[in-house]
Amino acid sequence: MKASDLRPKTKDQLKEELGNLRKEAFNLRFQKAGGQLGKTARTRQVRRDIAASRRCWARRPRAKE
């Protein structure tokens, strides 16, 4: 996932995307522990996607209260 894909998303969409990625990372960890993980590179890609989503979230201007 590229940053250019994440920038136009709203905070709610980013939050949902981050939740989905975390669930996927959790499932991949269990597959690895059970010896059922087929694509080991997917774990690395999911970790990087989570980091990209968090960076995009952090760079957003904060709403004034």
N, C-alpha and C. Protein backbone atom coordinates (compact mmCIF):
# COMPACT_ATOMS: atom_id res chain seq x y z
N MET A 1 0.85 -1.16 0.00
CA MET A 1 0.00 0.00 0.00
C MET A 1 0.90 1.23 0.00
N LYS A 2 0.59 2.14 -0.89
CA LYS A 2 1.40 3.34 -1.01
C LYS A 2 0.77 4.48 -0.23
N ALA A 3 1.60 5.45 0.13
CA ALA A 3 1.10 6.61 0.85
C ALA A 3 0.11 7.40 0.00
N SER A 4 0.31 7.39 -1.30
CA SER A 4 -0.62 8.10 -2.18
C SER A 4 -2.01 7.47 -2.16
N ASP A 5 -2.09 6.19 -1.81
CA ASP A 5 -3.39 5.53 -1.67
C ASP A 5 -4.05 5.91 -0.35
N LEU A 6 -3.25 6.23 0.65
CA LEU A 6 -3.77 6.50 1.98
C LEU A 6 -4.14 7.96 2.20
N ARG A 7 -3.46 8.87 1.54
CA ARG A 7 -3.68 10.29 1.79
C ARG A 7 -5.12 10.76 1.56
N PRO A 8 -5.79 10.34 0.50
CA PRO A 8 -7.15 10.84 0.29
C PRO A 8 -8.19 10.26 1.25
N LYS A 9 -7.85 9.26 2.03
CA LYS A 9 -8.80 8.62 2.93
C LYS A 9 -9.07 9.50 4.14
N THR A 10 -10.29 9.39 4.67
CA THR A 10 -10.65 10.11 5.89
C THR A 10 -10.08 9.37 7.09
N LYS A 11 -10.16 10.03 8.25
CA LYS A 11 -9.63 9.40 9.46
C LYS A 11 -10.40 8.12 9.80
N ASP A 12 -11.72 8.12 9.56
CA ASP A 12 -12.51 6.93 9.83
C ASP A 12 -12.10 5.78 8.92
N GLN A 13 -11.84 6.09 7.66
CA GLN A 13 -11.40 5.05 6.72
C GLN A 13 -10.03 4.52 7.11
N LEU A 14 -9.14 5.41 7.53
CA LEU A 14 -7.81 4.97 7.97
C LEU A 14 -7.90 4.10 9.22
N LYS A 15 -8.78 4.48 10.12
CA LYS A 15 -8.96 3.71 11.34
C LYS A 15 -9.47 2.30 11.03
N GLU A 16 -10.42 2.22 10.10
CA GLU A 16 -10.95 0.92 9.69
C GLU A 16 -9.87 0.08 9.00
N GLU A 17 -9.11 0.71 8.13
CA GLU A 17 -8.03 0.02 7.41
C GLU A 17 -6.98 -0.51 8.40
N LEU A 18 -6.65 0.29 9.38
CA LEU A 18 -5.67 -0.11 10.39
C LEU A 18 -6.19 -1.30 11.20
N GLY A 19 -7.46 -1.27 11.55
CA GLY A 19 -8.06 -2.38 12.27
C GLY A 19 -8.02 -3.67 11.46
N ASN A 20 -8.34 -3.57 10.17
CA ASN A 20 -8.30 -4.75 9.29
C ASN A 20 -6.89 -5.31 9.17
N LEU A 21 -5.92 -4.42 9.05
CA LEU A 21 -4.53 -4.87 8.93
C LEU A 21 -4.05 -5.54 10.21
N ARG A 22 -4.45 -5.02 11.34
CA ARG A 22 -4.05 -5.63 12.62
C ARG A 22 -4.67 -7.01 12.78
N LYS A 23 -5.93 -7.16 12.35
CA LYS A 23 -6.57 -8.48 12.40
C LYS A 23 -5.85 -9.47 11.49
N GLU A 24 -5.46 -8.99 10.31
CA GLU A 24 -4.75 -9.86 9.39
C GLU A 24 -3.39 -10.27 9.97
N ALA A 25 -2.70 -9.33 10.60
CA ALA A 25 -1.40 -9.64 11.21
C ALA A 25 -1.58 -10.67 12.32
N PHE A 26 -2.64 -10.53 13.09
CA PHE A 26 -2.94 -11.48 14.16
C PHE A 26 -3.17 -12.88 13.58
N ASN A 27 -3.97 -12.95 12.53
CA ASN A 27 -4.25 -14.24 11.90
C ASN A 27 -3.00 -14.86 11.29
N LEU A 28 -2.14 -14.03 10.70
CA LEU A 28 -0.90 -14.54 10.12
C LEU A 28 0.03 -15.10 11.20
N ARG A 29 0.05 -14.46 12.36
CA ARG A 29 0.88 -14.98 13.46
C ARG A 29 0.40 -16.36 13.90
N PHE A 30 -0.93 -16.54 13.96
CA PHE A 30 -1.46 -17.84 14.35
C PHE A 30 -1.18 -18.89 13.29
N GLN A 31 -1.28 -18.51 12.03
CA GLN A 31 -0.97 -19.45 10.96
C GLN A 31 0.49 -19.89 11.02
N LYS A 32 1.36 -18.94 11.33
CA LYS A 32 2.78 -19.26 11.43
C LYS A 32 3.04 -20.22 12.59
N ALA A 33 2.39 -19.97 13.72
CA ALA A 33 2.57 -20.83 14.89
C ALA A 33 2.05 -22.23 14.62
N GLY A 34 0.99 -22.34 13.82
CA GLY A 34 0.42 -23.64 13.53
C GLY A 34 1.05 -24.33 12.34
N GLY A 35 2.00 -23.67 11.70
CA GLY A 35 2.68 -24.26 10.56
C GLY A 35 1.86 -24.24 9.28
N GLN A 36 0.86 -23.35 9.20
CA GLN A 36 -0.01 -23.30 8.03
C GLN A 36 0.23 -22.08 7.16
N LEU A 37 1.21 -21.28 7.50
CA LEU A 37 1.46 -20.05 6.75
C LEU A 37 2.08 -20.36 5.40
N GLY A 38 1.38 -19.99 4.34
CA GLY A 38 1.85 -20.28 2.99
C GLY A 38 2.77 -19.20 2.44
N LYS A 39 2.34 -17.96 2.54
CA LYS A 39 3.12 -16.84 2.00
C LYS A 39 3.76 -16.08 3.16
N THR A 40 5.01 -16.39 3.42
CA THR A 40 5.69 -15.76 4.55
C THR A 40 5.94 -14.28 4.31
N ALA A 41 6.04 -13.87 3.06
CA ALA A 41 6.31 -12.46 2.75
C ALA A 41 5.11 -11.58 3.09
N ARG A 42 3.93 -12.16 3.19
CA ARG A 42 2.73 -11.38 3.49
C ARG A 42 2.82 -10.77 4.88
N THR A 43 3.44 -11.47 5.82
CA THR A 43 3.61 -10.95 7.18
C THR A 43 4.38 -9.63 7.15
N ARG A 44 5.46 -9.62 6.42
CA ARG A 44 6.28 -8.41 6.31
C ARG A 44 5.50 -7.27 5.65
N GLN A 45 4.75 -7.59 4.60
CA GLN A 45 3.99 -6.57 3.88
C GLN A 45 2.90 -5.98 4.77
N VAL A 46 2.24 -6.81 5.56
CA VAL A 46 1.20 -6.32 6.46
C VAL A 46 1.80 -5.39 7.51
N ARG A 47 2.97 -5.78 8.06
CA ARG A 47 3.64 -4.91 9.04
C ARG A 47 3.96 -3.55 8.44
N ARG A 48 4.44 -3.55 7.20
CA ARG A 48 4.78 -2.29 6.54
C ARG A 48 3.54 -1.46 6.23
N ASP A 49 2.45 -2.12 5.87
CA ASP A 49 1.20 -1.41 5.62
C ASP A 49 0.66 -0.77 6.89
N ILE A 50 0.79 -1.47 8.01
CA ILE A 50 0.37 -0.91 9.29
C ILE A 50 1.20 0.34 9.60
N ALA A 51 2.49 0.28 9.38
CA ALA A 51 3.36 1.43 9.63
C ALA A 51 3.00 2.60 8.71
N ALA A 52 2.70 2.32 7.46
CA ALA A 52 2.34 3.38 6.52
C ALA A 52 1.03 4.04 6.94
N SER A 53 0.08 3.23 7.39
CA SER A 53 -1.21 3.77 7.84
C SER A 53 -1.03 4.64 9.08
N ARG A 54 -0.18 4.19 9.99
CA ARG A 54 0.05 4.98 11.21
C ARG A 54 0.77 6.29 10.89
N ARG A 55 1.73 6.24 9.94
CA ARG A 55 2.42 7.47 9.55
C ARG A 55 1.45 8.46 8.93
N CYS A 56 0.58 7.96 8.07
CA CYS A 56 -0.39 8.83 7.42
C CYS A 56 -1.34 9.44 8.46
N TRP A 57 -1.73 8.64 9.44
CA TRP A 57 -2.61 9.11 10.52
C TRP A 57 -1.92 10.21 11.32
N ALA A 58 -0.65 10.01 11.63
CA ALA A 58 0.09 10.96 12.46
C ALA A 58 0.36 12.28 11.74
N ARG A 59 0.48 12.24 10.44
CA ARG A 59 0.78 13.45 9.68
C ARG A 59 -0.45 14.31 9.40
N ARG A 60 -1.61 13.80 9.71
CA ARG A 60 -2.84 14.58 9.50
C ARG A 60 -2.88 15.74 10.48
N PRO A 61 -3.39 16.87 10.04
CA PRO A 61 -3.53 17.98 10.99
C PRO A 61 -4.61 17.64 12.01
N ARG A 62 -4.36 18.02 13.23
CA ARG A 62 -5.33 17.74 14.30
C ARG A 62 -6.47 18.72 14.21
N ALA A 63 -7.66 18.24 14.54
CA ALA A 63 -8.86 19.09 14.53
C ALA A 63 -8.78 20.05 15.71
N LYS A 64 -9.14 21.28 15.45
CA LYS A 64 -9.14 22.27 16.52
C LYS A 64 -10.40 22.09 17.34
N GLU A 65 -10.21 22.10 18.66
CA GLU A 65 -11.35 21.87 19.55
C GLU A 65 -11.91 23.16 20.06
